[in-house]
Amino acid sequence: MAITLQVLYPVTDGSHFNDAYYAKTHMGLVDAHMGQHIQDMVVTKGMAGGPDTPAAFHAIATFVFADKADLDAALAAAGPVLADIPKFTNATPQMLIGQTYR
């Protein structure tokens, strides 16, 4: 079963998120440092939480790994990626590690 890592960037009072920096620079760091372990990835930019409801998250990044060993290897290489977070947001990221199924 595949393993996923989701990184959620919540919208809070006074939080900001630089989408352009995130897409161009931060995701480039993800690819350079963790990419060899990632099977697939998708980033969802928050637009709304439902009709007439603001988004609860600036963005959610979902990374798919073949197994826990690949996840562990990616996390071990994530130092420069984590250090880059303050360059595009002041939101405190949340993480969810899980298994996928259909």
PDB file of N, CA and C in Angstrom:
ATOM      1  N   MET A   1       0.832  -1.171   0.000  1.00  0.00           N
ATOM      2  CA  MET A   1       0.000   0.000   0.000  1.00  0.00           C
ATOM      3  C   MET A   1       0.885   1.245   0.000  1.00  0.00           C
ATOM      4  N   ALA A   2       0.526   2.224  -0.804  1.00  0.00           N
ATOM      5  CA  ALA A   2       1.293   3.466  -0.866  1.00  0.00           C
ATOM      6  C   ALA A   2       1.123   4.270   0.426  1.00  0.00           C
ATOM      7  N   ILE A   3       2.123   5.081   0.701  1.00  0.00           N
ATOM      8  CA  ILE A   3       2.120   5.965   1.866  1.00  0.00           C
ATOM      9  C   ILE A   3       2.057   7.403   1.353  1.00  0.00           C
ATOM     10  N   THR A   4       1.256   8.239   2.015  1.00  0.00           N
ATOM     11  CA  THR A   4       1.194   9.643   1.626  1.00  0.00           C
ATOM     12  C   THR A   4       1.664  10.528   2.769  1.00  0.00           C
ATOM     13  N   LEU A   5       2.222  11.649   2.387  1.00  0.00           N
ATOM     14  CA  LEU A   5       2.550  12.731   3.299  1.00  0.00           C
ATOM     15  C   LEU A   5       1.799  13.943   2.772  1.00  0.00           C
ATOM     16  N   GLN A   6       0.951  14.504   3.608  1.00  0.00           N
ATOM     17  CA  GLN A   6       0.265  15.734   3.240  1.00  0.00           C
ATOM     18  C   GLN A   6       0.771  16.841   4.144  1.00  0.00           C
ATOM     19  N   VAL A   7       1.091  17.968   3.534  1.00  0.00           N
ATOM     20  CA  VAL A   7       1.518  19.152   4.267  1.00  0.00           C
ATOM     21  C   VAL A   7       0.446  20.204   4.029  1.00  0.00           C
ATOM     22  N   LEU A   8      -0.190  20.624   5.131  1.00  0.00           N
ATOM     23  CA  LEU A   8      -1.307  21.550   5.067  1.00  0.00           C
ATOM     24  C   LEU A   8      -0.877  22.891   5.652  1.00  0.00           C
ATOM     25  N   TYR A   9      -1.150  23.958   4.926  1.00  0.00           N
ATOM     26  CA  TYR A   9      -0.790  25.298   5.360  1.00  0.00           C
ATOM     27  C   TYR A   9      -2.077  26.044   5.724  1.00  0.00           C
ATOM     28  N   PRO A  10      -2.436  26.092   7.022  1.00  0.00           N
ATOM     29  CA  PRO A  10      -3.718  26.662   7.425  1.00  0.00           C
ATOM     30  C   PRO A  10      -3.769  28.193   7.302  1.00  0.00           C
ATOM     31  N   VAL A  11      -4.945  28.671   6.980  1.00  0.00           N
ATOM     32  CA  VAL A  11      -5.211  30.104   6.998  1.00  0.00           C
ATOM     33  C   VAL A  11      -5.543  30.479   8.439  1.00  0.00           C
ATOM     34  N   THR A  12      -4.799  31.413   8.992  1.00  0.00           N
ATOM     35  CA  THR A  12      -5.067  31.929  10.333  1.00  0.00           C
ATOM     36  C   THR A  12      -5.041  33.451  10.263  1.00  0.00           C
ATOM     37  N   ASP A  13      -5.509  34.108  11.308  1.00  0.00           N
ATOM     38  CA  ASP A  13      -5.472  35.568  11.344  1.00  0.00           C
ATOM     39  C   ASP A  13      -4.047  36.053  11.109  1.00  0.00           C
ATOM     40  N   GLY A  14      -3.879  36.874  10.093  1.00  0.00           N
ATOM     41  CA  GLY A  14      -2.568  37.450   9.809  1.00  0.00           C
ATOM     42  C   GLY A  14      -1.615  36.557   9.039  1.00  0.00           C
ATOM     43  N   SER A  15      -2.044  35.355   8.661  1.00  0.00           N
ATOM     44  CA  SER A  15      -1.128  34.484   7.913  1.00  0.00           C
ATOM     45  C   SER A  15      -1.042  34.932   6.452  1.00  0.00           C
ATOM     46  N   HIS A  16       0.107  34.658   5.865  1.00  0.00           N
ATOM     47  CA  HIS A  16       0.316  34.949   4.442  1.00  0.00           C
ATOM     48  C   HIS A  16       0.994  33.748   3.794  1.00  0.00           C
ATOM     49  N   PHE A  17       0.880  33.688   2.468  1.00  0.00           N
ATOM     50  CA  PHE A  17       1.442  32.575   1.704  1.00  0.00           C
ATOM     51  C   PHE A  17       1.786  33.100   0.321  1.00  0.00           C
ATOM     52  N   ASN A  18       3.053  33.013  -0.080  1.00  0.00           N
ATOM     53  CA  ASN A  18       3.509  33.495  -1.377  1.00  0.00           C
ATOM     54  C   ASN A  18       3.440  32.332  -2.374  1.00  0.00           C
ATOM     55  N   ASP A  19       2.352  32.293  -3.134  1.00  0.00           N
ATOM     56  CA  ASP A  19       2.126  31.190  -4.084  1.00  0.00           C
ATOM     57  C   ASP A  19       3.222  31.092  -5.138  1.00  0.00           C
ATOM     58  N   ALA A  20       3.653  32.224  -5.661  1.00  0.00           N
ATOM     59  CA  ALA A  20       4.657  32.212  -6.733  1.00  0.00           C
ATOM     60  C   ALA A  20       5.975  31.628  -6.227  1.00  0.00           C
ATOM     61  N   TYR A  21       6.413  32.061  -5.046  1.00  0.00           N
ATOM     62  CA  TYR A  21       7.653  31.526  -4.477  1.00  0.00           C
ATOM     63  C   TYR A  21       7.504  30.034  -4.207  1.00  0.00           C
ATOM     64  N   TYR A  22       6.373  29.659  -3.650  1.00  0.00           N
ATOM     65  CA  TYR A  22       6.132  28.248  -3.318  1.00  0.00           C
ATOM     66  C   TYR A  22       6.224  27.375  -4.571  1.00  0.00           C
ATOM     67  N   ALA A  23       5.522  27.788  -5.629  1.00  0.00           N
ATOM     68  CA  ALA A  23       5.479  26.983  -6.857  1.00  0.00           C
ATOM     69  C   ALA A  23       6.839  26.911  -7.547  1.00  0.00           C
ATOM     70  N   LYS A  24       7.521  28.029  -7.621  1.00  0.00           N
ATOM     71  CA  LYS A  24       8.762  28.072  -8.392  1.00  0.00           C
ATOM     72  C   LYS A  24       9.981  27.621  -7.584  1.00  0.00           C
ATOM     73  N   THR A  25      10.161  28.165  -6.410  1.00  0.00           N
ATOM     74  CA  THR A  25      11.381  27.926  -5.645  1.00  0.00           C
ATOM     75  C   THR A  25      11.252  26.767  -4.664  1.00  0.00           C
ATOM     76  N   HIS A  26      10.231  26.811  -3.832  1.00  0.00           N
ATOM     77  CA  HIS A  26      10.106  25.785  -2.789  1.00  0.00           C
ATOM     78  C   HIS A  26       9.907  24.397  -3.382  1.00  0.00           C
ATOM     79  N   MET A  27       9.022  24.274  -4.346  1.00  0.00           N
ATOM     80  CA  MET A  27       8.793  22.955  -4.938  1.00  0.00           C
ATOM     81  C   MET A  27      10.024  22.471  -5.710  1.00  0.00           C
ATOM     82  N   GLY A  28      10.842  23.381  -6.198  1.00  0.00           N
ATOM     83  CA  GLY A  28      12.122  23.001  -6.799  1.00  0.00           C
ATOM     84  C   GLY A  28      13.058  22.386  -5.772  1.00  0.00           C
ATOM     85  N   LEU A  29      13.040  22.931  -4.547  1.00  0.00           N
ATOM     86  CA  LEU A  29      13.840  22.344  -3.462  1.00  0.00           C
ATOM     87  C   LEU A  29      13.319  20.963  -3.087  1.00  0.00           C
ATOM     88  N   VAL A  30      12.002  20.832  -3.046  1.00  0.00           N
ATOM     89  CA  VAL A  30      11.405  19.513  -2.767  1.00  0.00           C
ATOM     90  C   VAL A  30      11.909  18.504  -3.791  1.00  0.00           C
ATOM     91  N   ASP A  31      11.850  18.873  -5.049  1.00  0.00           N
ATOM     92  CA  ASP A  31      12.286  17.955  -6.104  1.00  0.00           C
ATOM     93  C   ASP A  31      13.775  17.628  -5.980  1.00  0.00           C
ATOM     94  N   ALA A  32      14.585  18.638  -5.717  1.00  0.00           N
ATOM     95  CA  ALA A  32      16.037  18.429  -5.646  1.00  0.00           C
ATOM     96  C   ALA A  32      16.453  17.553  -4.463  1.00  0.00           C
ATOM     97  N   HIS A  33      15.798  17.723  -3.322  1.00  0.00           N
ATOM     98  CA  HIS A  33      16.238  17.024  -2.113  1.00  0.00           C
ATOM     99  C   HIS A  33      15.451  15.756  -1.796  1.00  0.00           C
ATOM    100  N   MET A  34      14.190  15.723  -2.204  1.00  0.00           N
ATOM    101  CA  MET A  34      13.324  14.598  -1.829  1.00  0.00           C
ATOM    102  C   MET A  34      12.772  13.837  -3.033  1.00  0.00           C
ATOM    103  N   GLY A  35      12.872  14.442  -4.195  1.00  0.00           N
ATOM    104  CA  GLY A  35      12.202  13.944  -5.390  1.00  0.00           C
ATOM    105  C   GLY A  35      12.500  12.509  -5.774  1.00  0.00           C
ATOM    106  N   GLN A  36      13.716  12.052  -5.545  1.00  0.00           N
ATOM    107  CA  GLN A  36      14.051  10.682  -5.954  1.00  0.00           C
ATOM    108  C   GLN A  36      13.254   9.641  -5.183  1.00  0.00           C
ATOM    109  N   HIS A  37      12.659  10.029  -4.063  1.00  0.00           N
ATOM    110  CA  HIS A  37      11.892   9.094  -3.237  1.00  0.00           C
ATOM    111  C   HIS A  37      10.381   9.216  -3.448  1.00  0.00           C
ATOM    112  N   ILE A  38       9.970  10.268  -4.154  1.00  0.00           N
ATOM    113  CA  ILE A  38       8.540  10.559  -4.329  1.00  0.00           C
ATOM    114  C   ILE A  38       8.031   9.908  -5.605  1.00  0.00           C
ATOM    115  N   GLN A  39       6.927   9.190  -5.476  1.00  0.00           N
ATOM    116  CA  GLN A  39       6.284   8.559  -6.634  1.00  0.00           C
ATOM    117  C   GLN A  39       5.433   9.547  -7.417  1.00  0.00           C
ATOM    118  N   ASP A  40       4.702  10.382  -6.693  1.00  0.00           N
ATOM    119  CA  ASP A  40       3.802  11.346  -7.316  1.00  0.00           C
ATOM    120  C   ASP A  40       3.555  12.471  -6.331  1.00  0.00           C
ATOM    121  N   MET A  41       3.178  13.629  -6.839  1.00  0.00           N
ATOM    122  CA  MET A  41       2.844  14.741  -5.959  1.00  0.00           C
ATOM    123  C   MET A  41       1.829  15.636  -6.642  1.00  0.00           C
ATOM    124  N   VAL A  42       1.029  16.279  -5.807  1.00  0.00           N
ATOM    125  CA  VAL A  42       0.068  17.262  -6.290  1.00  0.00           C
ATOM    126  C   VAL A  42      -0.080  18.328  -5.212  1.00  0.00           C
ATOM    127  N   VAL A  43      -0.215  19.574  -5.639  1.00  0.00           N
ATOM    128  CA  VAL A  43      -0.448  20.673  -4.711  1.00  0.00           C
ATOM    129  C   VAL A  43      -1.797  21.278  -5.051  1.00  0.00           C
ATOM    130  N   THR A  44      -2.617  21.470  -4.025  1.00  0.00           N
ATOM    131  CA  THR A  44      -3.919  22.087  -4.191  1.00  0.00           C
ATOM    132  C   THR A  44      -3.885  23.452  -3.530  1.00  0.00           C
ATOM    133  N   LYS A  45      -4.147  24.486  -4.311  1.00  0.00           N
ATOM    134  CA  LYS A  45      -4.212  25.844  -3.781  1.00  0.00           C
ATOM    135  C   LYS A  45      -5.624  26.072  -3.257  1.00  0.00           C
ATOM    136  N   GLY A  46      -5.736  26.515  -2.006  1.00  0.00           N
ATOM    137  CA  GLY A  46      -7.044  26.747  -1.413  1.00  0.00           C
ATOM    138  C   GLY A  46      -7.766  27.900  -2.076  1.00  0.00           C
ATOM    139  N   MET A  47      -9.007  27.651  -2.478  1.00  0.00           N
ATOM    140  CA  MET A  47      -9.839  28.689  -3.081  1.00  0.00           C
ATOM    141  C   MET A  47     -11.099  28.948  -2.253  1.00  0.00           C
ATOM    142  N   ALA A  48     -11.676  27.883  -1.698  1.00  0.00           N
ATOM    143  CA  ALA A  48     -12.889  28.014  -0.894  1.00  0.00           C
ATOM    144  C   ALA A  48     -13.057  26.769  -0.046  1.00  0.00           C
ATOM    145  N   GLY A  49     -13.824  26.909   1.031  1.00  0.00           N
ATOM    146  CA  GLY A  49     -14.144  25.778   1.892  1.00  0.00           C
ATOM    147  C   GLY A  49     -15.548  25.274   1.643  1.00  0.00           C
ATOM    148  N   GLY A  50     -16.168  25.756   0.605  1.00  0.00           N
ATOM    149  CA  GLY A  50     -17.543  25.439   0.235  1.00  0.00           C
ATOM    150  C   GLY A  50     -18.181  26.709  -0.300  1.00  0.00           C
ATOM    151  N   PRO A  51     -19.448  26.633  -0.690  1.00  0.00           N
ATOM    152  CA  PRO A  51     -20.113  27.842  -1.189  1.00  0.00           C
ATOM    153  C   PRO A  51     -20.101  28.954  -0.133  1.00  0.00           C
ATOM    154  N   ASP A  52     -19.636  30.100  -0.539  1.00  0.00           N
ATOM    155  CA  ASP A  52     -19.609  31.278   0.338  1.00  0.00           C
ATOM    156  C   ASP A  52     -18.817  31.058   1.625  1.00  0.00           C
ATOM    157  N   THR A  53     -17.835  30.153   1.577  1.00  0.00           N
ATOM    158  CA  THR A  53     -17.001  29.864   2.747  1.00  0.00           C
ATOM    159  C   THR A  53     -15.539  30.027   2.344  1.00  0.00           C
ATOM    160  N   PRO A  54     -14.799  30.845   3.076  1.00  0.00           N
ATOM    161  CA  PRO A  54     -13.383  30.993   2.725  1.00  0.00           C
ATOM    162  C   PRO A  54     -12.606  29.701   2.944  1.00  0.00           C
ATOM    163  N   ALA A  55     -11.520  29.554   2.207  1.00  0.00           N
ATOM    164  CA  ALA A  55     -10.663  28.375   2.343  1.00  0.00           C
ATOM    165  C   ALA A  55     -10.032  28.330   3.725  1.00  0.00           C
ATOM    166  N   ALA A  56      -9.947  27.141   4.284  1.00  0.00           N
ATOM    167  CA  ALA A  56      -9.301  26.954   5.583  1.00  0.00           C
ATOM    168  C   ALA A  56      -7.790  26.776   5.438  1.00  0.00           C
ATOM    169  N   PHE A  57      -7.334  26.518   4.203  1.00  0.00           N
ATOM    170  CA  PHE A  57      -5.916  26.276   3.957  1.00  0.00           C
ATOM    171  C   PHE A  57      -5.450  27.102   2.767  1.00  0.00           C
ATOM    172  N   HIS A  58      -4.243  27.668   2.890  1.00  0.00           N
ATOM    173  CA  HIS A  58      -3.621  28.342   1.755  1.00  0.00           C
ATOM    174  C   HIS A  58      -3.329  27.324   0.659  1.00  0.00           C
ATOM    175  N   ALA A  59      -2.814  26.167   1.071  1.00  0.00           N
ATOM    176  CA  ALA A  59      -2.449  25.104   0.134  1.00  0.00           C
ATOM    177  C   ALA A  59      -2.314  23.791   0.899  1.00  0.00           C
ATOM    178  N   ILE A  60      -2.462  22.695   0.156  1.00  0.00           N
ATOM    179  CA  ILE A  60      -2.204  21.359   0.688  1.00  0.00           C
ATOM    180  C   ILE A  60      -1.352  20.631  -0.342  1.00  0.00           C
ATOM    181  N   ALA A  61      -0.187  20.192   0.081  1.00  0.00           N
ATOM    182  CA  ALA A  61       0.698  19.415  -0.788  1.00  0.00           C
ATOM    183  C   ALA A  61       0.579  17.948  -0.406  1.00  0.00           C
ATOM    184  N   THR A  62       0.366  17.092  -1.411  1.00  0.00           N
ATOM    185  CA  THR A  62       0.255  15.656  -1.184  1.00  0.00           C
ATOM    186  C   THR A  62       1.378  14.956  -1.940  1.00  0.00           C
ATOM    187  N   PHE A  63       2.162  14.195  -1.197  1.00  0.00           N
ATOM    188  CA  PHE A  63       3.276  13.434  -1.771  1.00  0.00           C
ATOM    189  C   PHE A  63       2.975  11.953  -1.583  1.00  0.00           C
ATOM    190  N   VAL A  64       3.183  11.168  -2.625  1.00  0.00           N
ATOM    191  CA  VAL A  64       2.916   9.729  -2.583  1.00  0.00           C
ATOM    192  C   VAL A  64       4.242   8.987  -2.664  1.00  0.00           C
ATOM    193  N   PHE A  65       4.388   8.010  -1.763  1.00  0.00           N
ATOM    194  CA  PHE A  65       5.598   7.185  -1.695  1.00  0.00           C
ATOM    195  C   PHE A  65       5.212   5.727  -1.869  1.00  0.00           C
ATOM    196  N   ALA A  66       6.099   4.947  -2.451  1.00  0.00           N
ATOM    197  CA  ALA A  66       5.832   3.520  -2.659  1.00  0.00           C
ATOM    198  C   ALA A  66       5.678   2.796  -1.329  1.00  0.00           C
ATOM    199  N   ASP A  67       6.465   3.225  -0.330  1.00  0.00           N
ATOM    200  CA  ASP A  67       6.430   2.541   0.963  1.00  0.00           C
ATOM    201  C   ASP A  67       7.024   3.445   2.041  1.00  0.00           C
ATOM    202  N   LYS A  68       7.005   2.968   3.268  1.00  0.00           N
ATOM    203  CA  LYS A  68       7.504   3.752   4.403  1.00  0.00           C
ATOM    204  C   LYS A  68       8.996   4.029   4.289  1.00  0.00           C
ATOM    205  N   ALA A  69       9.759   3.115   3.709  1.00  0.00           N
ATOM    206  CA  ALA A  69      11.202   3.339   3.546  1.00  0.00           C
ATOM    207  C   ALA A  69      11.466   4.563   2.669  1.00  0.00           C
ATOM    208  N   ASP A  70      10.699   4.723   1.598  1.00  0.00           N
ATOM    209  CA  ASP A  70      10.854   5.903   0.743  1.00  0.00           C
ATOM    210  C   ASP A  70      10.436   7.171   1.476  1.00  0.00           C
ATOM    211  N   LEU A  71       9.356   7.110   2.249  1.00  0.00           N
ATOM    212  CA  LEU A  71       8.938   8.258   3.055  1.00  0.00           C
ATOM    213  C   LEU A  71      10.051   8.636   4.030  1.00  0.00           C
ATOM    214  N   ASP A  72      10.583   7.654   4.743  1.00  0.00           N
ATOM    215  CA  ASP A  72      11.641   7.915   5.716  1.00  0.00           C
ATOM    216  C   ASP A  72      12.879   8.525   5.056  1.00  0.00           C
ATOM    217  N   ALA A  73      13.235   8.037   3.886  1.00  0.00           N
ATOM    218  CA  ALA A  73      14.392   8.573   3.164  1.00  0.00           C
ATOM    219  C   ALA A  73      14.141  10.021   2.734  1.00  0.00           C
ATOM    220  N   ALA A  74      12.937  10.299   2.267  1.00  0.00           N
ATOM    221  CA  ALA A  74      12.591  11.663   1.862  1.00  0.00           C
ATOM    222  C   ALA A  74      12.634  12.604   3.067  1.00  0.00           C
ATOM    223  N   LEU A  75      12.077  12.175   4.190  1.00  0.00           N
ATOM    224  CA  LEU A  75      12.081  13.011   5.387  1.00  0.00           C
ATOM    225  C   LEU A  75      13.501  13.254   5.895  1.00  0.00           C
ATOM    226  N   ALA A  76      14.360  12.264   5.764  1.00  0.00           N
ATOM    227  CA  ALA A  76      15.755  12.417   6.194  1.00  0.00           C
ATOM    228  C   ALA A  76      16.490  13.464   5.354  1.00  0.00           C
ATOM    229  N   ALA A  77      16.037  13.656   4.115  1.00  0.00           N
ATOM    230  CA  ALA A  77      16.678  14.608   3.200  1.00  0.00           C
ATOM    231  C   ALA A  77      15.990  15.970   3.200  1.00  0.00           C
ATOM    232  N   ALA A  78      14.983  16.154   4.024  1.00  0.00           N
ATOM    233  CA  ALA A  78      14.116  17.333   3.953  1.00  0.00           C
ATOM    234  C   ALA A  78      14.633  18.581   4.654  1.00  0.00           C
ATOM    235  N   GLY A  79      15.799  18.541   5.264  1.00  0.00           N
ATOM    236  CA  GLY A  79      16.319  19.689   6.015  1.00  0.00           C
ATOM    237  C   GLY A  79      16.255  21.011   5.263  1.00  0.00           C
ATOM    238  N   PRO A  80      16.820  21.110   4.051  1.00  0.00           N
ATOM    239  CA  PRO A  80      16.769  22.370   3.316  1.00  0.00           C
ATOM    240  C   PRO A  80      15.341  22.791   2.933  1.00  0.00           C
ATOM    241  N   VAL A  81      14.483  21.824   2.730  1.00  0.00           N
ATOM    242  CA  VAL A  81      13.082  22.109   2.393  1.00  0.00           C
ATOM    243  C   VAL A  81      12.384  22.738   3.600  1.00  0.00           C
ATOM    244  N   LEU A  82      12.581  22.161   4.763  1.00  0.00           N
ATOM    245  CA  LEU A  82      11.962  22.692   5.985  1.00  0.00           C
ATOM    246  C   LEU A  82      12.516  24.080   6.316  1.00  0.00           C
ATOM    247  N   ALA A  83      13.797  24.289   6.117  1.00  0.00           N
ATOM    248  CA  ALA A  83      14.412  25.581   6.403  1.00  0.00           C
ATOM    249  C   ALA A  83      13.887  26.686   5.492  1.00  0.00           C
ATOM    250  N   ASP A  84      13.345  26.322   4.351  1.00  0.00           N
ATOM    251  CA  ASP A  84      12.847  27.290   3.375  1.00  0.00           C
ATOM    252  C   ASP A  84      11.436  27.799   3.697  1.00  0.00           C
ATOM    253  N   ILE A  85      10.697  27.117   4.533  1.00  0.00           N
ATOM    254  CA  ILE A  85       9.287  27.456   4.790  1.00  0.00           C
ATOM    255  C   ILE A  85       9.088  28.916   5.186  1.00  0.00           C
ATOM    256  N   PRO A  86       9.870  29.494   6.082  1.00  0.00           N
ATOM    257  CA  PRO A  86       9.639  30.897   6.459  1.00  0.00           C
ATOM    258  C   PRO A  86       9.804  31.901   5.317  1.00  0.00           C
ATOM    259  N   LYS A  87      10.375  31.466   4.201  1.00  0.00           N
ATOM    260  CA  LYS A  87      10.559  32.364   3.057  1.00  0.00           C
ATOM    261  C   LYS A  87       9.268  32.576   2.271  1.00  0.00           C
ATOM    262  N   PHE A  88       8.252  31.726   2.479  1.00  0.00           N
ATOM    263  CA  PHE A  88       7.006  31.916   1.725  1.00  0.00           C
ATOM    264  C   PHE A  88       5.752  31.976   2.590  1.00  0.00           C
ATOM    265  N   THR A  89       5.849  31.637   3.880  1.00  0.00           N
ATOM    266  CA  THR A  89       4.664  31.709   4.728  1.00  0.00           C
ATOM    267  C   THR A  89       5.039  31.888   6.192  1.00  0.00           C
ATOM    268  N   ASN A  90       4.115  32.468   6.929  1.00  0.00           N
ATOM    269  CA  ASN A  90       4.261  32.528   8.378  1.00  0.00           C
ATOM    270  C   ASN A  90       3.270  31.573   9.047  1.00  0.00           C
ATOM    271  N   ALA A  91       2.543  30.816   8.241  1.00  0.00           N
ATOM    272  CA  ALA A  91       1.626  29.795   8.770  1.00  0.00           C
ATOM    273  C   ALA A  91       2.438  28.598   9.257  1.00  0.00           C
ATOM    274  N   THR A  92       1.992  27.976  10.324  1.00  0.00           N
ATOM    275  CA  THR A  92       2.651  26.775  10.831  1.00  0.00           C
ATOM    276  C   THR A  92       2.068  25.566  10.109  1.00  0.00           C
ATOM    277  N   PRO A  93       2.870  24.870   9.300  1.00  0.00           N
ATOM    278  CA  PRO A  93       2.346  23.732   8.545  1.00  0.00           C
ATOM    279  C   PRO A  93       1.907  22.589   9.462  1.00  0.00           C
ATOM    280  N   GLN A  94       0.885  21.888   9.024  1.00  0.00           N
ATOM    281  CA  GLN A  94       0.445  20.664   9.677  1.00  0.00           C
ATOM    282  C   GLN A  94       0.811  19.506   8.753  1.00  0.00           C
ATOM    283  N   MET A  95       1.077  18.345   9.327  1.00  0.00           N
ATOM    284  CA  MET A  95       1.419  17.173   8.520  1.00  0.00           C
ATOM    285  C   MET A  95       0.463  16.039   8.827  1.00  0.00           C
ATOM    286  N   LEU A  96       0.167  15.265   7.794  1.00  0.00           N
ATOM    287  CA  LEU A  96      -0.620  14.046   7.943  1.00  0.00           C
ATOM    288  C   LEU A  96       0.073  12.964   7.130  1.00  0.00           C
ATOM    289  N   ILE A  97       0.480  11.889   7.788  1.00  0.00           N
ATOM    290  CA  ILE A  97       1.065  10.726   7.118  1.00  0.00           C
ATOM    291  C   ILE A  97       0.013   9.638   7.149  1.00  0.00           C
ATOM    292  N   GLY A  98      -0.222   9.007   6.018  1.00  0.00           N
ATOM    293  CA  GLY A  98      -1.261   7.996   5.960  1.00  0.00           C
ATOM    294  C   GLY A  98      -1.026   6.957   4.885  1.00  0.00           C
ATOM    295  N   GLN A  99      -1.938   6.003   4.822  1.00  0.00           N
ATOM    296  CA  GLN A  99      -1.927   4.985   3.773  1.00  0.00           C
ATOM    297  C   GLN A  99      -3.060   5.288   2.810  1.00  0.00           C
ATOM    298  N   THR A 100      -2.826   4.980   1.554  1.00  0.00           N
ATOM    299  CA  THR A 100      -3.878   5.168   0.559  1.00  0.00           C
ATOM    300  C   THR A 100      -4.546   3.839   0.273  1.00  0.00           C
ATOM    301  N   TYR A 101      -5.798   3.901  -0.080  1.00  0.00           N
ATOM    302  CA  TYR A 101      -6.529   2.718  -0.489  1.00  0.00           C
ATOM    303  C   TYR A 101      -7.642   3.129  -1.431  1.00  0.00           C
ATOM    304  N   ARG A 102      -8.172   2.167  -2.145  1.00  0.00           N
ATOM    305  CA  ARG A 102      -9.274   2.426  -3.080  1.00  0.00           C
ATOM    306  C   ARG A 102     -10.407   1.496  -2.771  1.00  0.00           C
TER     307      ARG A 102
END
